[in-house]
């Protein structure tokens, strides 16, 4: 009788193939949800990063406008002295480095409208003028 008990005990010590597959399916489903949530979080972080950088550029342009007396025709004037400036002595470098690309690898758009300006990131879809654009 002791052999029968030992035989039953040893046959129940492992997991069945069905139990292992069920656990794997549950893990894959959970990983899918985690990846989906992480992707959304990363995209939100990129939008916040673009907004912050647009704010930095806007502030630098406003300081430039106050010190030089007008807005530059090119946004690169914030880190490199332009050749078309009326009084080169009035130019003050506002950024240490050239303008970085937005989080999606595209250049920020700079539009000069008289005494005002607009800075735009074309957003995740890579197309200007759509609802996901981020502007100053």
N, C-alpha and C. Protein backbone atom coordinates (compact mmCIF):
# COMPACT_ATOMS: atom_id res chain seq x y z
N UNK A 1 0.79 -1.18 0.00
CA UNK A 1 0.00 0.00 0.00
C UNK A 1 0.84 1.27 0.00
N UNK A 2 1.97 1.20 0.62
CA UNK A 2 2.82 2.38 0.68
C UNK A 2 3.34 2.76 -0.70
N UNK A 3 3.50 1.78 -1.57
CA UNK A 3 3.95 2.10 -2.93
C UNK A 3 2.89 2.89 -3.69
N UNK A 4 1.63 2.55 -3.52
CA UNK A 4 0.55 3.27 -4.19
C UNK A 4 0.49 4.72 -3.70
N UNK A 5 0.66 4.93 -2.41
CA UNK A 5 0.65 6.29 -1.88
C UNK A 5 1.83 7.09 -2.43
N UNK A 6 2.99 6.51 -2.48
CA UNK A 6 4.18 7.19 -3.01
C UNK A 6 4.02 7.48 -4.50
N UNK A 7 3.39 6.56 -5.23
CA UNK A 7 3.17 6.75 -6.66
C UNK A 7 2.21 7.91 -6.90
N UNK A 8 1.16 8.00 -6.10
CA UNK A 8 0.21 9.10 -6.25
C UNK A 8 0.87 10.43 -5.88
N UNK A 9 1.65 10.42 -4.83
CA UNK A 9 2.31 11.63 -4.39
C UNK A 9 3.31 12.16 -5.42
N UNK A 10 4.10 11.30 -5.99
CA UNK A 10 5.10 11.74 -6.97
C UNK A 10 4.46 12.19 -8.27
N UNK A 11 3.33 11.64 -8.64
CA UNK A 11 2.69 12.07 -9.88
C UNK A 11 2.05 13.45 -9.72
N UNK A 12 1.76 13.92 -8.53
CA UNK A 12 1.13 15.22 -8.31
C UNK A 12 2.15 16.29 -7.92
N UNK A 13 3.42 15.98 -7.88
CA UNK A 13 4.41 16.97 -7.48
C UNK A 13 4.67 18.01 -8.56
N UNK A 14 4.53 17.69 -9.82
CA UNK A 14 4.80 18.63 -10.91
C UNK A 14 3.55 19.34 -11.38
N UNK A 15 3.73 20.30 -12.31
CA UNK A 15 2.61 21.03 -12.90
C UNK A 15 2.24 20.36 -14.22
N UNK A 16 0.97 20.43 -14.55
CA UNK A 16 0.54 19.88 -15.83
C UNK A 16 0.84 20.90 -16.93
N UNK A 17 0.86 20.46 -18.14
CA UNK A 17 1.10 21.34 -19.28
C UNK A 17 0.03 22.42 -19.34
N UNK A 18 -1.19 22.07 -19.04
CA UNK A 18 -2.28 23.04 -19.07
C UNK A 18 -2.08 24.15 -18.04
N UNK A 19 -1.62 23.80 -16.85
CA UNK A 19 -1.38 24.81 -15.82
C UNK A 19 -0.25 25.75 -16.24
N UNK A 20 0.79 25.23 -16.81
CA UNK A 20 1.92 26.04 -17.26
C UNK A 20 1.46 26.98 -18.38
N UNK A 21 0.69 26.47 -19.34
CA UNK A 21 0.19 27.30 -20.43
C UNK A 21 -0.74 28.40 -19.91
N UNK A 22 -1.57 28.09 -18.94
CA UNK A 22 -2.47 29.09 -18.37
C UNK A 22 -1.68 30.23 -17.71
N UNK A 23 -0.66 29.88 -16.98
CA UNK A 23 0.19 30.89 -16.34
C UNK A 23 0.88 31.74 -17.41
N UNK A 24 1.38 31.13 -18.47
CA UNK A 24 2.03 31.88 -19.55
C UNK A 24 1.07 32.83 -20.23
N UNK A 25 -0.16 32.40 -20.48
CA UNK A 25 -1.16 33.27 -21.10
C UNK A 25 -1.45 34.46 -20.21
N UNK A 26 -1.59 34.23 -18.93
CA UNK A 26 -1.85 35.33 -18.00
C UNK A 26 -0.68 36.32 -18.00
N UNK A 27 0.54 35.82 -18.00
CA UNK A 27 1.71 36.71 -18.01
C UNK A 27 1.78 37.52 -19.30
N UNK A 28 1.46 36.93 -20.43
CA UNK A 28 1.49 37.65 -21.71
C UNK A 28 0.43 38.75 -21.73
N UNK A 29 -0.76 38.45 -21.22
CA UNK A 29 -1.82 39.46 -21.16
C UNK A 29 -1.41 40.61 -20.26
N UNK A 30 -0.86 40.32 -19.10
CA UNK A 30 -0.40 41.37 -18.19
C UNK A 30 0.73 42.20 -18.81
N UNK A 31 1.64 41.55 -19.50
CA UNK A 31 2.73 42.28 -20.16
C UNK A 31 2.17 43.19 -21.26
N UNK A 32 1.17 42.74 -21.96
CA UNK A 32 0.55 43.57 -22.99
C UNK A 32 -0.06 44.83 -22.41
N UNK A 33 -0.77 44.70 -21.29
CA UNK A 33 -1.33 45.87 -20.64
C UNK A 33 -0.24 46.81 -20.15
N UNK A 34 0.81 46.26 -19.59
CA UNK A 34 1.91 47.08 -19.09
C UNK A 34 2.59 47.85 -20.22
N UNK A 35 2.82 47.19 -21.34
CA UNK A 35 3.46 47.86 -22.48
C UNK A 35 2.56 48.96 -23.03
N UNK A 36 1.27 48.70 -23.12
CA UNK A 36 0.33 49.70 -23.63
C UNK A 36 0.32 50.93 -22.71
N UNK A 37 0.28 50.71 -21.41
CA UNK A 37 0.29 51.84 -20.47
C UNK A 37 1.61 52.58 -20.50
N UNK A 38 2.71 51.87 -20.64
CA UNK A 38 4.02 52.50 -20.68
C UNK A 38 4.16 53.36 -21.93
N UNK A 39 3.65 52.88 -23.05
CA UNK A 39 3.72 53.64 -24.31
C UNK A 39 2.97 54.96 -24.16
N UNK A 40 1.79 54.92 -23.57
CA UNK A 40 1.02 56.14 -23.35
C UNK A 40 1.74 57.10 -22.42
N UNK A 41 2.38 56.58 -21.41
CA UNK A 41 3.13 57.40 -20.46
C UNK A 41 4.33 58.05 -21.14
N UNK A 42 5.03 57.30 -21.98
CA UNK A 42 6.18 57.86 -22.69
C UNK A 42 5.75 58.97 -23.64
N UNK A 43 4.63 58.79 -24.33
CA UNK A 43 4.15 59.81 -25.26
C UNK A 43 3.76 61.07 -24.50
N UNK A 44 3.14 60.91 -23.34
CA UNK A 44 2.80 62.05 -22.51
C UNK A 44 4.04 62.79 -22.03
N UNK A 45 5.08 62.06 -21.71
CA UNK A 45 6.33 62.68 -21.28
C UNK A 45 6.97 63.47 -22.42
N UNK A 46 6.86 62.95 -23.64
CA UNK A 46 7.41 63.67 -24.79
C UNK A 46 6.66 64.97 -25.03
N UNK A 47 5.35 64.96 -24.87
CA UNK A 47 4.55 66.18 -25.02
C UNK A 47 4.96 67.21 -23.97
N UNK A 48 5.13 66.76 -22.72
CA UNK A 48 5.56 67.67 -21.66
C UNK A 48 6.95 68.23 -21.94
N UNK A 49 7.85 67.39 -22.45
CA UNK A 49 9.19 67.84 -22.78
C UNK A 49 9.14 68.91 -23.87
N UNK A 50 8.32 68.71 -24.88
CA UNK A 50 8.20 69.69 -25.96
C UNK A 50 7.64 71.01 -25.42
N UNK A 51 6.64 70.95 -24.54
CA UNK A 51 6.07 72.17 -23.96
C UNK A 51 7.11 72.92 -23.14
N UNK A 52 7.90 72.20 -22.38
CA UNK A 52 8.94 72.85 -21.56
C UNK A 52 9.97 73.53 -22.45
N UNK A 53 10.40 72.83 -23.49
CA UNK A 53 11.42 73.42 -24.37
C UNK A 53 10.87 74.62 -25.13
N UNK A 54 9.60 74.55 -25.54
CA UNK A 54 8.97 75.70 -26.20
C UNK A 54 8.93 76.89 -25.23
N UNK A 55 8.66 76.62 -23.96
CA UNK A 55 8.67 77.68 -22.96
C UNK A 55 10.05 78.31 -22.80
N UNK A 56 11.08 77.47 -22.80
CA UNK A 56 12.45 77.98 -22.70
C UNK A 56 12.79 78.86 -23.91
N UNK A 57 12.44 78.39 -25.09
CA UNK A 57 12.70 79.18 -26.31
C UNK A 57 11.91 80.48 -26.30
N UNK A 58 10.67 80.44 -25.86
CA UNK A 58 9.84 81.65 -25.80
C UNK A 58 10.45 82.68 -24.85
N UNK A 59 10.87 82.23 -23.68
CA UNK A 59 11.50 83.15 -22.73
C UNK A 59 12.79 83.74 -23.28
N UNK A 60 13.59 82.92 -23.94
CA UNK A 60 14.84 83.42 -24.54
C UNK A 60 14.54 84.45 -25.63
N UNK A 61 13.50 84.21 -26.43
CA UNK A 61 13.13 85.17 -27.47
C UNK A 61 12.63 86.48 -26.88
N UNK A 62 11.86 86.41 -25.80
CA UNK A 62 11.37 87.63 -25.14
C UNK A 62 12.54 88.45 -24.57
N UNK A 63 13.52 87.77 -23.96
CA UNK A 63 14.70 88.48 -23.46
C UNK A 63 15.48 89.10 -24.61
N UNK A 64 15.62 88.35 -25.69
CA UNK A 64 16.32 88.85 -26.88
C UNK A 64 15.62 90.12 -27.38
N UNK A 65 14.29 90.07 -27.45
CA UNK A 65 13.52 91.21 -27.94
C UNK A 65 13.72 92.44 -27.05
N UNK A 66 13.78 92.24 -25.76
CA UNK A 66 13.99 93.36 -24.84
C UNK A 66 15.39 93.95 -24.97
N UNK A 67 16.39 93.09 -25.09
CA UNK A 67 17.77 93.57 -25.10
C UNK A 67 18.22 94.10 -26.46
N UNK A 68 17.77 93.48 -27.53
CA UNK A 68 18.22 93.87 -28.87
C UNK A 68 17.26 94.88 -29.49
N UNK A 69 16.02 94.87 -29.06
CA UNK A 69 15.05 95.83 -29.60
C UNK A 69 14.16 95.24 -30.68
N UNK A 70 14.21 93.99 -30.88
CA UNK A 70 13.35 93.34 -31.87
C UNK A 70 13.59 91.83 -31.85
N UNK A 71 12.74 91.14 -32.56
CA UNK A 71 12.87 89.68 -32.65
C UNK A 71 13.79 89.30 -33.80
N UNK A 72 14.51 88.21 -33.67
CA UNK A 72 15.38 87.78 -34.77
C UNK A 72 14.56 87.17 -35.92
N UNK A 73 15.12 87.25 -37.11
CA UNK A 73 14.45 86.63 -38.25
C UNK A 73 14.64 85.11 -38.24
N UNK A 74 15.68 84.66 -37.54
CA UNK A 74 15.97 83.23 -37.43
C UNK A 74 16.19 82.89 -35.96
N UNK A 75 15.60 81.81 -35.51
CA UNK A 75 15.68 81.43 -34.10
C UNK A 75 17.11 81.07 -33.68
N UNK A 76 17.96 80.74 -34.64
CA UNK A 76 19.35 80.41 -34.31
C UNK A 76 20.12 81.62 -33.77
N UNK A 77 19.54 82.82 -33.88
CA UNK A 77 20.17 84.02 -33.32
C UNK A 77 20.23 83.96 -31.79
N UNK A 78 19.55 83.02 -31.20
CA UNK A 78 19.60 82.88 -29.75
C UNK A 78 20.94 82.31 -29.27
N UNK A 79 21.62 81.59 -30.14
CA UNK A 79 22.91 81.01 -29.73
C UNK A 79 24.06 81.42 -30.64
N UNK A 80 23.77 82.02 -31.78
CA UNK A 80 24.82 82.43 -32.72
C UNK A 80 24.49 83.81 -33.25
N UNK A 81 25.46 84.72 -33.19
CA UNK A 81 25.21 86.09 -33.61
C UNK A 81 24.85 86.15 -35.09
N UNK A 82 23.70 86.75 -35.41
CA UNK A 82 23.30 86.85 -36.82
C UNK A 82 24.10 87.93 -37.54
N UNK A 83 24.24 87.77 -38.83
CA UNK A 83 24.99 88.75 -39.61
C UNK A 83 24.15 89.98 -39.95
N UNK A 84 22.82 89.87 -39.87
CA UNK A 84 21.96 90.99 -40.25
C UNK A 84 21.50 91.86 -39.08
N UNK A 85 22.14 91.73 -37.93
CA UNK A 85 21.75 92.52 -36.77
C UNK A 85 22.23 93.96 -36.93
N UNK A 86 21.37 94.92 -36.58
CA UNK A 86 21.70 96.35 -36.76
C UNK A 86 22.87 96.79 -35.89
N UNK A 87 22.86 96.39 -34.62
CA UNK A 87 23.92 96.77 -33.69
C UNK A 87 24.53 95.49 -33.10
N UNK A 88 25.63 94.99 -33.70
CA UNK A 88 26.22 93.75 -33.21
C UNK A 88 26.62 93.80 -31.73
N UNK A 89 26.91 94.97 -31.21
CA UNK A 89 27.29 95.09 -29.80
C UNK A 89 26.10 94.83 -28.87
N UNK A 90 24.89 94.97 -29.37
CA UNK A 90 23.71 94.76 -28.52
C UNK A 90 23.33 93.28 -28.41
N UNK A 91 23.92 92.45 -29.27
CA UNK A 91 23.56 91.03 -29.26
C UNK A 91 24.14 90.33 -28.03
N UNK A 92 23.33 89.55 -27.36
CA UNK A 92 23.75 88.76 -26.20
C UNK A 92 23.28 87.33 -26.44
N UNK A 93 24.20 86.40 -26.30
CA UNK A 93 23.87 84.99 -26.51
C UNK A 93 22.87 84.54 -25.44
N UNK A 94 21.75 83.96 -25.86
CA UNK A 94 20.71 83.52 -24.94
C UNK A 94 20.73 82.02 -24.68
N UNK A 95 21.27 81.24 -25.60
CA UNK A 95 21.35 79.79 -25.44
C UNK A 95 22.79 79.34 -25.66
N UNK A 96 23.25 78.41 -24.86
CA UNK A 96 24.62 77.91 -24.99
C UNK A 96 24.80 76.98 -26.18
N UNK A 97 23.73 76.28 -26.55
CA UNK A 97 23.82 75.28 -27.63
C UNK A 97 22.81 75.62 -28.72
N UNK A 98 23.01 75.05 -29.90
CA UNK A 98 22.01 75.22 -30.96
C UNK A 98 20.66 74.66 -30.52
N UNK A 99 19.63 75.09 -31.19
CA UNK A 99 18.28 74.64 -30.88
C UNK A 99 18.18 73.14 -31.11
N UNK A 100 17.72 72.42 -30.08
CA UNK A 100 17.57 70.97 -30.19
C UNK A 100 16.33 70.62 -30.99
N UNK A 101 16.29 69.40 -31.46
CA UNK A 101 15.11 68.89 -32.13
C UNK A 101 14.05 68.57 -31.09
N UNK A 102 12.80 68.53 -31.52
CA UNK A 102 11.74 68.16 -30.59
C UNK A 102 11.85 66.68 -30.25
N UNK A 103 11.06 66.19 -29.30
CA UNK A 103 11.19 64.79 -28.88
C UNK A 103 10.94 63.76 -29.98
N UNK A 104 10.34 64.18 -31.09
CA UNK A 104 10.08 63.26 -32.20
C UNK A 104 11.11 63.42 -33.32
N UNK A 105 12.18 64.17 -33.05
CA UNK A 105 13.29 64.30 -33.99
C UNK A 105 13.08 65.33 -35.09
N UNK A 106 12.11 66.22 -34.94
CA UNK A 106 11.83 67.26 -35.94
C UNK A 106 12.26 68.61 -35.39
N UNK A 107 12.58 69.52 -36.29
CA UNK A 107 12.98 70.87 -35.88
C UNK A 107 11.76 71.66 -35.40
N UNK A 108 11.97 72.51 -34.41
CA UNK A 108 10.90 73.41 -33.98
C UNK A 108 10.68 74.45 -35.07
N UNK A 109 9.43 74.78 -35.34
CA UNK A 109 9.11 75.80 -36.33
C UNK A 109 9.03 77.15 -35.61
N UNK A 110 9.61 78.17 -36.22
CA UNK A 110 9.61 79.52 -35.67
C UNK A 110 8.99 80.44 -36.70
N UNK A 111 7.90 81.11 -36.31
CA UNK A 111 7.23 82.04 -37.22
C UNK A 111 7.21 83.41 -36.58
N UNK A 112 7.69 84.38 -37.33
CA UNK A 112 7.75 85.76 -36.87
C UNK A 112 6.56 86.50 -37.46
N UNK A 113 5.74 87.12 -36.60
CA UNK A 113 4.56 87.88 -37.03
C UNK A 113 4.69 89.31 -36.51
N UNK A 114 5.50 90.11 -37.16
CA UNK A 114 5.71 91.48 -36.71
C UNK A 114 6.44 91.51 -35.38
N UNK A 115 5.74 91.97 -34.34
CA UNK A 115 6.37 92.04 -33.01
C UNK A 115 6.03 90.83 -32.14
N UNK A 116 5.41 89.83 -32.72
CA UNK A 116 5.12 88.61 -31.97
C UNK A 116 5.70 87.40 -32.72
N UNK A 117 5.66 86.27 -32.07
CA UNK A 117 6.23 85.06 -32.67
C UNK A 117 5.43 83.85 -32.23
N UNK A 118 5.67 82.76 -32.93
CA UNK A 118 5.08 81.48 -32.56
C UNK A 118 6.14 80.41 -32.74
N UNK A 119 6.24 79.54 -31.74
CA UNK A 119 7.13 78.38 -31.82
C UNK A 119 6.24 77.16 -31.81
N UNK A 120 6.51 76.21 -32.71
CA UNK A 120 5.64 75.05 -32.85
C UNK A 120 6.47 73.78 -32.98
N UNK A 121 5.99 72.75 -32.29
CA UNK A 121 6.45 71.39 -32.52
C UNK A 121 5.33 70.70 -33.26
N UNK A 122 5.65 70.00 -34.32
CA UNK A 122 4.59 69.39 -35.12
C UNK A 122 4.03 68.13 -34.48
N UNK A 123 4.55 67.74 -33.35
CA UNK A 123 3.98 66.66 -32.56
C UNK A 123 4.27 65.27 -33.09
N UNK A 124 3.62 64.28 -32.49
CA UNK A 124 3.93 62.88 -32.79
C UNK A 124 3.61 62.45 -34.22
N UNK A 125 2.61 63.08 -34.85
CA UNK A 125 2.25 62.61 -36.20
C UNK A 125 3.18 63.16 -37.28
N UNK A 126 4.02 64.14 -36.96
CA UNK A 126 4.99 64.65 -37.92
C UNK A 126 4.40 65.55 -38.99
N UNK A 127 3.16 66.01 -38.81
CA UNK A 127 2.50 66.87 -39.80
C UNK A 127 2.11 68.19 -39.16
N UNK A 128 2.45 69.27 -39.82
CA UNK A 128 2.14 70.60 -39.32
C UNK A 128 0.66 70.92 -39.55
N UNK A 129 0.07 71.64 -38.60
CA UNK A 129 -1.30 72.07 -38.74
C UNK A 129 -2.34 71.06 -38.28
N UNK A 130 -1.93 70.04 -37.56
CA UNK A 130 -2.89 69.06 -37.06
C UNK A 130 -3.15 69.30 -35.58
N UNK A 131 -4.09 68.56 -35.03
CA UNK A 131 -4.51 68.80 -33.64
C UNK A 131 -3.46 68.43 -32.61
N UNK A 132 -2.46 67.64 -32.97
CA UNK A 132 -1.46 67.27 -31.97
C UNK A 132 -0.27 68.22 -31.94
N UNK A 133 -0.30 69.29 -32.74
CA UNK A 133 0.79 70.28 -32.71
C UNK A 133 0.84 70.95 -31.34
N UNK A 134 2.05 71.30 -30.94
CA UNK A 134 2.26 71.97 -29.65
C UNK A 134 2.83 73.34 -29.96
N UNK A 135 2.16 74.40 -29.51
CA UNK A 135 2.58 75.76 -29.85
C UNK A 135 2.82 76.59 -28.61
N UNK A 136 3.53 77.70 -28.83
CA UNK A 136 3.80 78.62 -27.72
C UNK A 136 2.59 79.47 -27.43
